[in-house]
Amino acid sequence: MAGGKARKEKPKPNAVAHAPYQGGISFHKLKGQHILKNPLLVDSIVQKAGIKTTDTILEIGPSTGNLMKKLLEASKAVIAVEVDPRMVLELQRRFQGTPLSNRLKVFLYF
């Protein structure tokens, strides 16, 4: 502390990398993980995509499945590829036993 000035330390990137959501999973924002929570935005994405009931959709990084649910409702099937095993488990919990589950395939990509 030369000259009476205190130095502020910058936070380390990993210290701010996680942000909890309602389900209790922490997202790694520095790795690009974000949750799409706005239902109006989700509806707008699906509407603008022009999805037909005969379409099979590939979703990369479905996260907790907020967009995926609407994609499943609008299409024939969804194939999802996720790199985070925690998200794969969350998707399995969310859609298991629902009428949409037979139209969904989730793959864990390393």
PDB file of N, CA and C in Angstrom:
ATOM      1  N   MET A   1       0.837  -1.170   0.000  1.00  0.00           N
ATOM      2  CA  MET A   1       0.000   0.000   0.000  1.00  0.00           C
ATOM      3  C   MET A   1       0.886   1.239   0.000  1.00  0.00           C
ATOM      4  N   ALA A   2       1.583   1.461  -1.053  1.00  0.00           N
ATOM      5  CA  ALA A   2       2.448   2.629  -1.165  1.00  0.00           C
ATOM      6  C   ALA A   2       1.606   3.856  -1.454  1.00  0.00           C
ATOM      7  N   GLY A   3       1.899   4.957  -0.767  1.00  0.00           N
ATOM      8  CA  GLY A   3       1.177   6.198  -1.000  1.00  0.00           C
ATOM      9  C   GLY A   3      -0.219   6.205  -0.431  1.00  0.00           C
ATOM     10  N   GLY A   4      -0.581   5.235   0.393  1.00  0.00           N
ATOM     11  CA  GLY A   4      -1.889   5.203   1.036  1.00  0.00           C
ATOM     12  C   GLY A   4      -3.023   4.697   0.160  1.00  0.00           C
ATOM     13  N   LYS A   5      -2.728   4.196  -1.030  1.00  0.00           N
ATOM     14  CA  LYS A   5      -3.784   3.704  -1.919  1.00  0.00           C
ATOM     15  C   LYS A   5      -3.877   2.187  -1.813  1.00  0.00           C
ATOM     16  N   ALA A   6      -5.077   1.712  -1.653  1.00  0.00           N
ATOM     17  CA  ALA A   6      -5.300   0.267  -1.596  1.00  0.00           C
ATOM     18  C   ALA A   6      -5.559  -0.244  -3.009  1.00  0.00           C
ATOM     19  N   ARG A   7      -4.969  -1.372  -3.324  1.00  0.00           N
ATOM     20  CA  ARG A   7      -5.204  -1.985  -4.635  1.00  0.00           C
ATOM     21  C   ARG A   7      -6.404  -2.904  -4.565  1.00  0.00           C
ATOM     22  N   LYS A   8      -7.275  -2.750  -5.523  1.00  0.00           N
ATOM     23  CA  LYS A   8      -8.405  -3.672  -5.617  1.00  0.00           C
ATOM     24  C   LYS A   8      -7.964  -4.873  -6.432  1.00  0.00           C
ATOM     25  N   GLU A   9      -8.290  -6.038  -5.927  1.00  0.00           N
ATOM     26  CA  GLU A   9      -7.960  -7.240  -6.677  1.00  0.00           C
ATOM     27  C   GLU A   9      -9.105  -7.562  -7.614  1.00  0.00           C
ATOM     28  N   LYS A  10      -8.743  -7.940  -8.829  1.00  0.00           N
ATOM     29  CA  LYS A  10      -9.757  -8.332  -9.803  1.00  0.00           C
ATOM     30  C   LYS A  10     -10.262  -9.721  -9.448  1.00  0.00           C
ATOM     31  N   PRO A  11     -11.580  -9.949  -9.590  1.00  0.00           N
ATOM     32  CA  PRO A  11     -12.077 -11.299  -9.323  1.00  0.00           C
ATOM     33  C   PRO A  11     -11.548 -12.271 -10.368  1.00  0.00           C
ATOM     34  N   LYS A  12     -11.257 -13.464  -9.923  1.00  0.00           N
ATOM     35  CA  LYS A  12     -10.806 -14.495 -10.841  1.00  0.00           C
ATOM     36  C   LYS A  12     -11.986 -14.939 -11.694  1.00  0.00           C
ATOM     37  N   PRO A  13     -11.754 -15.240 -12.984  1.00  0.00           N
ATOM     38  CA  PRO A  13     -12.861 -15.606 -13.865  1.00  0.00           C
ATOM     39  C   PRO A  13     -13.721 -16.746 -13.340  1.00  0.00           C
ATOM     40  N   ASN A  14     -13.121 -17.771 -12.744  1.00  0.00           N
ATOM     41  CA  ASN A  14     -13.905 -18.905 -12.253  1.00  0.00           C
ATOM     42  C   ASN A  14     -14.770 -18.554 -11.054  1.00  0.00           C
ATOM     43  N   ALA A  15     -14.432 -17.473 -10.368  1.00  0.00           N
ATOM     44  CA  ALA A  15     -15.210 -17.079  -9.191  1.00  0.00           C
ATOM     45  C   ALA A  15     -16.589 -16.558  -9.575  1.00  0.00           C
ATOM     46  N   VAL A  16     -16.744 -16.069 -10.800  1.00  0.00           N
ATOM     47  CA  VAL A  16     -18.038 -15.540 -11.239  1.00  0.00           C
ATOM     48  C   VAL A  16     -18.643 -16.397 -12.344  1.00  0.00           C
ATOM     49  N   ALA A  17     -18.152 -17.583 -12.504  1.00  0.00           N
ATOM     50  CA  ALA A  17     -18.576 -18.423 -13.623  1.00  0.00           C
ATOM     51  C   ALA A  17     -19.910 -19.113 -13.399  1.00  0.00           C
ATOM     52  N   HIS A  18     -20.399 -19.149 -12.198  1.00  0.00           N
ATOM     53  CA  HIS A  18     -21.618 -19.899 -11.915  1.00  0.00           C
ATOM     54  C   HIS A  18     -22.746 -18.955 -11.522  1.00  0.00           C
ATOM     55  N   ALA A  19     -23.942 -19.274 -12.015  1.00  0.00           N
ATOM     56  CA  ALA A  19     -25.134 -18.522 -11.620  1.00  0.00           C
ATOM     57  C   ALA A  19     -26.254 -19.530 -11.413  1.00  0.00           C
ATOM     58  N   PRO A  20     -26.761 -19.675 -10.183  1.00  0.00           N
ATOM     59  CA  PRO A  20     -27.795 -20.675  -9.932  1.00  0.00           C
ATOM     60  C   PRO A  20     -29.118 -20.305 -10.586  1.00  0.00           C
ATOM     61  N   TYR A  21     -29.900 -21.301 -10.911  1.00  0.00           N
ATOM     62  CA  TYR A  21     -31.259 -21.060 -11.391  1.00  0.00           C
ATOM     63  C   TYR A  21     -32.199 -21.823 -10.479  1.00  0.00           C
ATOM     64  N   GLN A  22     -33.506 -21.688 -10.700  1.00  0.00           N
ATOM     65  CA  GLN A  22     -34.512 -22.244  -9.792  1.00  0.00           C
ATOM     66  C   GLN A  22     -34.348 -23.738  -9.548  1.00  0.00           C
ATOM     67  N   GLY A  23     -33.880 -24.484 -10.530  1.00  0.00           N
ATOM     68  CA  GLY A  23     -33.745 -25.921 -10.387  1.00  0.00           C
ATOM     69  C   GLY A  23     -32.543 -26.344  -9.570  1.00  0.00           C
ATOM     70  N   GLY A  24     -31.675 -25.418  -9.220  1.00  0.00           N
ATOM     71  CA  GLY A  24     -30.542 -25.730  -8.378  1.00  0.00           C
ATOM     72  C   GLY A  24     -29.257 -26.029  -9.122  1.00  0.00           C
ATOM     73  N   ILE A  25     -29.282 -26.065 -10.446  1.00  0.00           N
ATOM     74  CA  ILE A  25     -28.067 -26.314 -11.217  1.00  0.00           C
ATOM     75  C   ILE A  25     -27.351 -24.992 -11.418  1.00  0.00           C
ATOM     76  N   SER A  26     -26.046 -24.990 -11.212  1.00  0.00           N
ATOM     77  CA  SER A  26     -25.252 -23.794 -11.489  1.00  0.00           C
ATOM     78  C   SER A  26     -24.815 -23.825 -12.946  1.00  0.00           C
ATOM     79  N   PHE A  27     -24.981 -22.707 -13.621  1.00  0.00           N
ATOM     80  CA  PHE A  27     -24.573 -22.610 -15.016  1.00  0.00           C
ATOM     81  C   PHE A  27     -23.160 -22.061 -15.100  1.00  0.00           C
ATOM     82  N   HIS A  28     -22.387 -22.577 -16.032  1.00  0.00           N
ATOM     83  CA  HIS A  28     -21.022 -22.122 -16.275  1.00  0.00           C
ATOM     84  C   HIS A  28     -21.084 -21.072 -17.381  1.00  0.00           C
ATOM     85  N   LYS A  29     -21.337 -19.832 -16.992  1.00  0.00           N
ATOM     86  CA  LYS A  29     -21.519 -18.773 -17.989  1.00  0.00           C
ATOM     87  C   LYS A  29     -20.259 -18.519 -18.804  1.00  0.00           C
ATOM     88  N   LEU A  30     -19.095 -18.712 -18.214  1.00  0.00           N
ATOM     89  CA  LEU A  30     -17.859 -18.522 -18.974  1.00  0.00           C
ATOM     90  C   LEU A  30     -17.691 -19.584 -20.055  1.00  0.00           C
ATOM     91  N   LYS A  31     -18.389 -20.695 -19.916  1.00  0.00           N
ATOM     92  CA  LYS A  31     -18.375 -21.735 -20.944  1.00  0.00           C
ATOM     93  C   LYS A  31     -19.546 -21.567 -21.906  1.00  0.00           C
ATOM     94  N   GLY A  32     -20.300 -20.497 -21.749  1.00  0.00           N
ATOM     95  CA  GLY A  32     -21.397 -20.219 -22.670  1.00  0.00           C
ATOM     96  C   GLY A  32     -22.741 -20.768 -22.245  1.00  0.00           C
ATOM     97  N   GLN A  33     -22.863 -21.283 -21.029  1.00  0.00           N
ATOM     98  CA  GLN A  33     -24.140 -21.825 -20.578  1.00  0.00           C
ATOM     99  C   GLN A  33     -25.041 -20.707 -20.073  1.00  0.00           C
ATOM    100  N   HIS A  34     -26.217 -20.648 -20.646  1.00  0.00           N
ATOM    101  CA  HIS A  34     -27.230 -19.678 -20.238  1.00  0.00           C
ATOM    102  C   HIS A  34     -28.580 -20.372 -20.306  1.00  0.00           C
ATOM    103  N   ILE A  35     -29.537 -19.873 -19.554  1.00  0.00           N
ATOM    104  CA  ILE A  35     -30.873 -20.454 -19.585  1.00  0.00           C
ATOM    105  C   ILE A  35     -31.819 -19.479 -20.274  1.00  0.00           C
ATOM    106  N   LEU A  36     -32.621 -20.011 -21.170  1.00  0.00           N
ATOM    107  CA  LEU A  36     -33.616 -19.225 -21.883  1.00  0.00           C
ATOM    108  C   LEU A  36     -34.898 -19.292 -21.067  1.00  0.00           C
ATOM    109  N   LYS A  37     -35.223 -18.201 -20.377  1.00  0.00           N
ATOM    110  CA  LYS A  37     -36.347 -18.208 -19.437  1.00  0.00           C
ATOM    111  C   LYS A  37     -37.590 -17.493 -19.951  1.00  0.00           C
ATOM    112  N   ASN A  38     -37.444 -16.575 -20.891  1.00  0.00           N
ATOM    113  CA  ASN A  38     -38.561 -15.759 -21.342  1.00  0.00           C
ATOM    114  C   ASN A  38     -39.462 -16.564 -22.284  1.00  0.00           C
ATOM    115  N   PRO A  39     -40.688 -16.918 -21.841  1.00  0.00           N
ATOM    116  CA  PRO A  39     -41.563 -17.736 -22.685  1.00  0.00           C
ATOM    117  C   PRO A  39     -41.966 -17.032 -23.982  1.00  0.00           C
ATOM    118  N   LEU A  40     -42.040 -15.711 -23.977  1.00  0.00           N
ATOM    119  CA  LEU A  40     -42.378 -14.990 -25.208  1.00  0.00           C
ATOM    120  C   LEU A  40     -41.256 -15.118 -26.235  1.00  0.00           C
ATOM    121  N   LEU A  41     -40.019 -15.097 -25.770  1.00  0.00           N
ATOM    122  CA  LEU A  41     -38.881 -15.274 -26.662  1.00  0.00           C
ATOM    123  C   LEU A  41     -38.851 -16.694 -27.224  1.00  0.00           C
ATOM    124  N   VAL A  42     -39.117 -17.671 -26.378  1.00  0.00           N
ATOM    125  CA  VAL A  42     -39.164 -19.067 -26.820  1.00  0.00           C
ATOM    126  C   VAL A  42     -40.236 -19.231 -27.893  1.00  0.00           C
ATOM    127  N   ASP A  43     -41.432 -18.714 -27.647  1.00  0.00           N
ATOM    128  CA  ASP A  43     -42.523 -18.805 -28.628  1.00  0.00           C
ATOM    129  C   ASP A  43     -42.144 -18.121 -29.939  1.00  0.00           C
ATOM    130  N   SER A  44     -41.495 -16.973 -29.848  1.00  0.00           N
ATOM    131  CA  SER A  44     -41.085 -16.227 -31.036  1.00  0.00           C
ATOM    132  C   SER A  44     -40.066 -17.015 -31.860  1.00  0.00           C
ATOM    133  N   ILE A  45     -39.110 -17.642 -31.200  1.00  0.00           N
ATOM    134  CA  ILE A  45     -38.100 -18.447 -31.897  1.00  0.00           C
ATOM    135  C   ILE A  45     -38.768 -19.584 -32.658  1.00  0.00           C
ATOM    136  N   VAL A  46     -39.671 -20.288 -31.997  1.00  0.00           N
ATOM    137  CA  VAL A  46     -40.343 -21.428 -32.628  1.00  0.00           C
ATOM    138  C   VAL A  46     -41.208 -20.956 -33.794  1.00  0.00           C
ATOM    139  N   GLN A  47     -41.929 -19.880 -33.601  1.00  0.00           N
ATOM    140  CA  GLN A  47     -42.794 -19.352 -34.661  1.00  0.00           C
ATOM    141  C   GLN A  47     -41.970 -18.922 -35.879  1.00  0.00           C
ATOM    142  N   LYS A  48     -40.888 -18.197 -35.651  1.00  0.00           N
ATOM    143  CA  LYS A  48     -40.066 -17.695 -36.758  1.00  0.00           C
ATOM    144  C   LYS A  48     -39.291 -18.802 -37.462  1.00  0.00           C
ATOM    145  N   ALA A  49     -39.100 -19.922 -36.797  1.00  0.00           N
ATOM    146  CA  ALA A  49     -38.391 -21.049 -37.409  1.00  0.00           C
ATOM    147  C   ALA A  49     -39.246 -21.752 -38.457  1.00  0.00           C
ATOM    148  N   GLY A  50     -40.547 -21.547 -38.422  1.00  0.00           N
ATOM    149  CA  GLY A  50     -41.429 -22.164 -39.412  1.00  0.00           C
ATOM    150  C   GLY A  50     -41.432 -23.680 -39.348  1.00  0.00           C
ATOM    151  N   ILE A  51     -41.425 -24.214 -38.165  1.00  0.00           N
ATOM    152  CA  ILE A  51     -41.350 -25.665 -37.962  1.00  0.00           C
ATOM    153  C   ILE A  51     -42.660 -26.327 -38.384  1.00  0.00           C
ATOM    154  N   LYS A  52     -42.512 -27.462 -39.090  1.00  0.00           N
ATOM    155  CA  LYS A  52     -43.676 -28.254 -39.509  1.00  0.00           C
ATOM    156  C   LYS A  52     -43.762 -29.507 -38.642  1.00  0.00           C
ATOM    157  N   THR A  53     -44.936 -30.084 -38.582  1.00  0.00           N
ATOM    158  CA  THR A  53     -45.137 -31.292 -37.764  1.00  0.00           C
ATOM    159  C   THR A  53     -44.390 -32.498 -38.325  1.00  0.00           C
ATOM    160  N   THR A  54     -43.847 -32.385 -39.521  1.00  0.00           N
ATOM    161  CA  THR A  54     -43.076 -33.476 -40.125  1.00  0.00           C
ATOM    162  C   THR A  54     -41.565 -33.290 -39.949  1.00  0.00           C
ATOM    163  N   ASP A  55     -41.147 -32.188 -39.336  1.00  0.00           N
ATOM    164  CA  ASP A  55     -39.721 -31.869 -39.177  1.00  0.00           C
ATOM    165  C   ASP A  55     -39.087 -32.609 -38.001  1.00  0.00           C
ATOM    166  N   THR A  56     -37.847 -33.021 -38.203  1.00  0.00           N
ATOM    167  CA  THR A  56     -36.998 -33.499 -37.117  1.00  0.00           C
ATOM    168  C   THR A  56     -35.942 -32.422 -36.897  1.00  0.00           C
ATOM    169  N   ILE A  57     -35.787 -31.998 -35.652  1.00  0.00           N
ATOM    170  CA  ILE A  57     -34.937 -30.857 -35.316  1.00  0.00           C
ATOM    171  C   ILE A  57     -33.715 -31.322 -34.542  1.00  0.00           C
ATOM    172  N   LEU A  58     -32.567 -30.735 -34.861  1.00  0.00           N
ATOM    173  CA  LEU A  58     -31.337 -30.956 -34.104  1.00  0.00           C
ATOM    174  C   LEU A  58     -31.113 -29.727 -33.238  1.00  0.00           C
ATOM    175  N   GLU A  59     -31.097 -29.924 -31.925  1.00  0.00           N
ATOM    176  CA  GLU A  59     -30.826 -28.817 -31.005  1.00  0.00           C
ATOM    177  C   GLU A  59     -29.476 -29.060 -30.339  1.00  0.00           C
ATOM    178  N   ILE A  60     -28.589 -28.086 -30.476  1.00  0.00           N
ATOM    179  CA  ILE A  60     -27.261 -28.159 -29.878  1.00  0.00           C
ATOM    180  C   ILE A  60     -27.287 -27.347 -28.586  1.00  0.00           C
ATOM    181  N   GLY A  61     -26.958 -27.986 -27.476  1.00  0.00           N
ATOM    182  CA  GLY A  61     -26.933 -27.291 -26.182  1.00  0.00           C
ATOM    183  C   GLY A  61     -28.310 -26.945 -25.664  1.00  0.00           C
ATOM    184  N   PRO A  62     -29.154 -27.934 -25.437  1.00  0.00           N
ATOM    185  CA  PRO A  62     -30.533 -27.665 -25.013  1.00  0.00           C
ATOM    186  C   PRO A  62     -30.686 -27.157 -23.586  1.00  0.00           C
ATOM    187  N   SER A  63     -29.625 -27.217 -22.801  1.00  0.00           N
ATOM    188  CA  SER A  63     -29.686 -26.736 -21.416  1.00  0.00           C
ATOM    189  C   SER A  63     -30.772 -27.495 -20.655  1.00  0.00           C
ATOM    190  N   THR A  64     -31.707 -26.790 -20.032  1.00  0.00           N
ATOM    191  CA  THR A  64     -32.752 -27.454 -19.239  1.00  0.00           C
ATOM    192  C   THR A  64     -33.998 -27.777 -20.051  1.00  0.00           C
ATOM    193  N   GLY A  65     -34.027 -27.391 -21.327  1.00  0.00           N
ATOM    194  CA  GLY A  65     -35.113 -27.817 -22.203  1.00  0.00           C
ATOM    195  C   GLY A  65     -36.272 -26.866 -22.376  1.00  0.00           C
ATOM    196  N   ASN A  66     -36.128 -25.598 -22.005  1.00  0.00           N
ATOM    197  CA  ASN A  66     -37.243 -24.665 -22.170  1.00  0.00           C
ATOM    198  C   ASN A  66     -37.624 -24.493 -23.641  1.00  0.00           C
ATOM    199  N   LEU A  67     -36.637 -24.329 -24.513  1.00  0.00           N
ATOM    200  CA  LEU A  67     -36.906 -24.237 -25.947  1.00  0.00           C
ATOM    201  C   LEU A  67     -37.279 -25.614 -26.496  1.00  0.00           C
ATOM    202  N   MET A  68     -36.614 -26.644 -26.011  1.00  0.00           N
ATOM    203  CA  MET A  68     -36.866 -27.996 -26.503  1.00  0.00           C
ATOM    204  C   MET A  68     -38.326 -28.404 -26.354  1.00  0.00           C
ATOM    205  N   LYS A  69     -38.944 -28.046 -25.258  1.00  0.00           N
ATOM    206  CA  LYS A  69     -40.348 -28.407 -25.030  1.00  0.00           C
ATOM    207  C   LYS A  69     -41.227 -27.866 -26.153  1.00  0.00           C
ATOM    208  N   LYS A  70     -41.024 -26.614 -26.514  1.00  0.00           N
ATOM    209  CA  LYS A  70     -41.814 -26.007 -27.596  1.00  0.00           C
ATOM    210  C   LYS A  70     -41.454 -26.612 -28.951  1.00  0.00           C
ATOM    211  N   LEU A  71     -40.179 -26.936 -29.142  1.00  0.00           N
ATOM    212  CA  LEU A  71     -39.770 -27.583 -30.389  1.00  0.00           C
ATOM    213  C   LEU A  71     -40.425 -28.952 -30.527  1.00  0.00           C
ATOM    214  N   LEU A  72     -40.487 -29.696 -29.429  1.00  0.00           N
ATOM    215  CA  LEU A  72     -41.140 -31.010 -29.444  1.00  0.00           C
ATOM    216  C   LEU A  72     -42.628 -30.894 -29.755  1.00  0.00           C
ATOM    217  N   GLU A  73     -43.266 -29.886 -29.188  1.00  0.00           N
ATOM    218  CA  GLU A  73     -44.698 -29.693 -29.427  1.00  0.00           C
ATOM    219  C   GLU A  73     -44.984 -29.339 -30.884  1.00  0.00           C
ATOM    220  N   ALA A  74     -44.037 -28.684 -31.554  1.00  0.00           N
ATOM    221  CA  ALA A  74     -44.259 -28.212 -32.920  1.00  0.00           C
ATOM    222  C   ALA A  74     -43.775 -29.182 -33.995  1.00  0.00           C
ATOM    223  N   SER A  75     -42.924 -30.144 -33.638  1.00  0.00           N
ATOM    224  CA  SER A  75     -42.257 -30.973 -34.645  1.00  0.00           C
ATOM    225  C   SER A  75     -42.571 -32.455 -34.478  1.00  0.00           C
ATOM    226  N   LYS A  76     -41.995 -33.238 -35.393  1.00  0.00           N
ATOM    227  CA  LYS A  76     -42.111 -34.696 -35.308  1.00  0.00           C
ATOM    228  C   LYS A  76     -41.192 -35.246 -34.217  1.00  0.00           C
ATOM    229  N   ALA A  77     -39.960 -34.698 -34.142  1.00  0.00           N
ATOM    230  CA  ALA A  77     -38.977 -35.194 -33.172  1.00  0.00           C
ATOM    231  C   ALA A  77     -37.872 -34.163 -32.974  1.00  0.00           C
ATOM    232  N   VAL A  78     -37.157 -34.307 -31.845  1.00  0.00           N
ATOM    233  CA  VAL A  78     -35.995 -33.468 -31.558  1.00  0.00           C
ATOM    234  C   VAL A  78     -34.839 -34.378 -31.160  1.00  0.00           C
ATOM    235  N   ILE A  79     -33.703 -34.131 -31.783  1.00  0.00           N
ATOM    236  CA  ILE A  79     -32.453 -34.778 -31.403  1.00  0.00           C
ATOM    237  C   ILE A  79     -31.620 -33.694 -30.731  1.00  0.00           C
ATOM    238  N   ALA A  80     -31.229 -33.926 -29.492  1.00  0.00           N
ATOM    239  CA  ALA A  80     -30.493 -32.918 -28.727  1.00  0.00           C
ATOM    240  C   ALA A  80     -29.097 -33.434 -28.405  1.00  0.00           C
ATOM    241  N   VAL A  81     -28.113 -32.544 -28.522  1.00  0.00           N
ATOM    242  CA  VAL A  81     -26.729 -32.871 -28.192  1.00  0.00           C
ATOM    243  C   VAL A  81     -26.279 -31.903 -27.101  1.00  0.00           C
ATOM    244  N   GLU A  82     -25.842 -32.465 -25.976  1.00  0.00           N
ATOM    245  CA  GLU A  82     -25.450 -31.660 -24.811  1.00  0.00           C
ATOM    246  C   GLU A  82     -24.082 -32.132 -24.329  1.00  0.00           C
ATOM    247  N   VAL A  83     -23.228 -31.199 -23.899  1.00  0.00           N
ATOM    248  CA  VAL A  83     -21.892 -31.554 -23.408  1.00  0.00           C
ATOM    249  C   VAL A  83     -21.834 -31.686 -21.890  1.00  0.00           C
ATOM    250  N   ASP A  84     -22.848 -31.205 -21.207  1.00  0.00           N
ATOM    251  CA  ASP A  84     -22.851 -31.207 -19.743  1.00  0.00           C
ATOM    252  C   ASP A  84     -23.727 -32.356 -19.233  1.00  0.00           C
ATOM    253  N   PRO A  85     -23.124 -33.358 -18.572  1.00  0.00           N
ATOM    254  CA  PRO A  85     -23.910 -34.495 -18.080  1.00  0.00           C
ATOM    255  C   PRO A  85     -25.016 -34.085 -17.109  1.00  0.00           C
ATOM    256  N   ARG A  86     -24.821 -32.988 -16.379  1.00  0.00           N
ATOM    257  CA  ARG A  86     -25.861 -32.521 -15.450  1.00  0.00           C
ATOM    258  C   ARG A  86     -27.109 -32.089 -16.210  1.00  0.00           C
ATOM    259  N   MET A  87     -26.913 -31.465 -17.354  1.00  0.00           N
ATOM    260  CA  MET A  87     -28.055 -31.024 -18.161  1.00  0.00           C
ATOM    261  C   MET A  87     -28.772 -32.215 -18.786  1.00  0.00           C
ATOM    262  N   VAL A  88     -28.000 -33.227 -19.190  1.00  0.00           N
ATOM    263  CA  VAL A  88     -28.614 -34.440 -19.741  1.00  0.00           C
ATOM    264  C   VAL A  88     -29.532 -35.069 -18.697  1.00  0.00           C
ATOM    265  N   LEU A  89     -29.064 -35.165 -17.456  1.00  0.00           N
ATOM    266  CA  LEU A  89     -29.898 -35.710 -16.378  1.00  0.00           C
ATOM    267  C   LEU A  89     -31.138 -34.852 -16.147  1.00  0.00           C
ATOM    268  N   GLU A  90     -30.969 -33.545 -16.190  1.00  0.00           N
ATOM    269  CA  GLU A  90     -32.100 -32.631 -16.009  1.00  0.00           C
ATOM    270  C   GLU A  90     -33.135 -32.828 -17.117  1.00  0.00           C
ATOM    271  N   LEU A  91     -32.676 -32.993 -18.349  1.00  0.00           N
ATOM    272  CA  LEU A  91     -33.591 -33.221 -19.475  1.00  0.00           C
ATOM    273  C   LEU A  91     -34.323 -34.549 -19.319  1.00  0.00           C
ATOM    274  N   GLN A  92     -33.598 -35.580 -18.912  1.00  0.00           N
ATOM    275  CA  GLN A  92     -34.231 -36.886 -18.704  1.00  0.00           C
ATOM    276  C   GLN A  92     -35.296 -36.803 -17.623  1.00  0.00           C
ATOM    277  N   ARG A  93     -34.992 -36.113 -16.528  1.00  0.00           N
ATOM    278  CA  ARG A  93     -35.981 -35.944 -15.452  1.00  0.00           C
ATOM    279  C   ARG A  93     -37.197 -35.161 -15.937  1.00  0.00           C
ATOM    280  N   ARG A  94     -36.940 -34.121 -16.702  1.00  0.00           N
ATOM    281  CA  ARG A  94     -38.025 -33.232 -17.123  1.00  0.00           C
ATOM    282  C   ARG A  94     -38.995 -33.909 -18.092  1.00  0.00           C
ATOM    283  N   PHE A  95     -38.473 -34.716 -19.017  1.00  0.00           N
ATOM    284  CA  PHE A  95     -39.331 -35.257 -20.070  1.00  0.00           C
ATOM    285  C   PHE A  95     -39.716 -36.720 -19.880  1.00  0.00           C
ATOM    286  N   GLN A  96     -39.075 -37.417 -18.943  1.00  0.00           N
ATOM    287  CA  GLN A  96     -39.375 -38.828 -18.706  1.00  0.00           C
ATOM    288  C   GLN A  96     -40.831 -38.990 -18.294  1.00  0.00           C
ATOM    289  N   GLY A  97     -41.517 -39.922 -18.934  1.00  0.00           N
ATOM    290  CA  GLY A  97     -42.905 -40.203 -18.584  1.00  0.00           C
ATOM    291  C   GLY A  97     -43.911 -39.231 -19.166  1.00  0.00           C
ATOM    292  N   THR A  98     -43.466 -38.292 -19.993  1.00  0.00           N
ATOM    293  CA  THR A  98     -44.395 -37.364 -20.639  1.00  0.00           C
ATOM    294  C   THR A  98     -44.692 -37.866 -22.050  1.00  0.00           C
ATOM    295  N   PRO A  99     -45.790 -37.410 -22.642  1.00  0.00           N
ATOM    296  CA  PRO A  99     -46.097 -37.821 -24.019  1.00  0.00           C
ATOM    297  C   PRO A  99     -45.019 -37.388 -25.029  1.00  0.00           C
ATOM    298  N   LEU A 100     -44.226 -36.400 -24.680  1.00  0.00           N
ATOM    299  CA  LEU A 100     -43.188 -35.910 -25.591  1.00  0.00           C
ATOM    300  C   LEU A 100     -41.932 -36.777 -25.582  1.00  0.00           C
ATOM    301  N   SER A 101     -41.750 -37.597 -24.556  1.00  0.00           N
ATOM    302  CA  SER A 101     -40.490 -38.333 -24.377  1.00  0.00           C
ATOM    303  C   SER A 101     -40.188 -39.308 -25.513  1.00  0.00           C
ATOM    304  N   ASN A 102     -41.219 -39.856 -26.151  1.00  0.00           N
ATOM    305  CA  ASN A 102     -40.967 -40.822 -27.227  1.00  0.00           C
ATOM    306  C   ASN A 102     -40.518 -40.143 -28.523  1.00  0.00           C
ATOM    307  N   ARG A 103     -40.557 -38.810 -28.566  1.00  0.00           N
ATOM    308  CA  ARG A 103     -40.117 -38.068 -29.756  1.00  0.00           C
ATOM    309  C   ARG A 103     -38.794 -37.343 -29.509  1.00  0.00           C
ATOM    310  N   LEU A 104     -38.128 -37.694 -28.407  1.00  0.00           N
ATOM    311  CA  LEU A 104     -36.907 -37.000 -28.006  1.00  0.00           C
ATOM    312  C   LEU A 104     -35.749 -37.975 -27.850  1.00  0.00           C
ATOM    313  N   LYS A 105     -34.602 -37.604 -28.424  1.00  0.00           N
ATOM    314  CA  LYS A 105     -33.364 -38.352 -28.215  1.00  0.00           C
ATOM    315  C   LYS A 105     -32.318 -37.347 -27.747  1.00  0.00           C
ATOM    316  N   VAL A 106     -31.681 -37.647 -26.610  1.00  0.00           N
ATOM    317  CA  VAL A 106     -30.658 -36.761 -26.052  1.00  0.00           C
ATOM    318  C   VAL A 106     -29.330 -37.510 -26.043  1.00  0.00           C
ATOM    319  N   PHE A 107     -28.315 -36.867 -26.593  1.00  0.00           N
ATOM    320  CA  PHE A 107     -26.981 -37.450 -26.650  1.00  0.00           C
ATOM    321  C   PHE A 107     -26.010 -36.587 -25.855  1.00  0.00           C
ATOM    322  N   LEU A 108     -25.150 -37.254 -25.094  1.00  0.00           N
ATOM    323  CA  LEU A 108     -24.081 -36.575 -24.365  1.00  0.00           C
ATOM    324  C   LEU A 108     -22.853 -36.588 -25.258  1.00  0.00           C
ATOM    325  N   TYR A 109     -22.320 -35.402 -25.547  1.00  0.00           N
ATOM    326  CA  TYR A 109     -21.150 -35.272 -26.409  1.00  0.00           C
ATOM    327  C   TYR A 109     -19.965 -34.821 -25.569  1.00  0.00           C
ATOM    328  N   PHE A 110     -18.859 -35.537 -25.677  1.00  0.00           N
ATOM    329  CA  PHE A 110     -17.657 -35.179 -24.914  1.00  0.00           C
ATOM    330  C   PHE A 110     -16.712 -34.392 -25.778  1.00  0.00           C
TER     331      PHE A 110
END
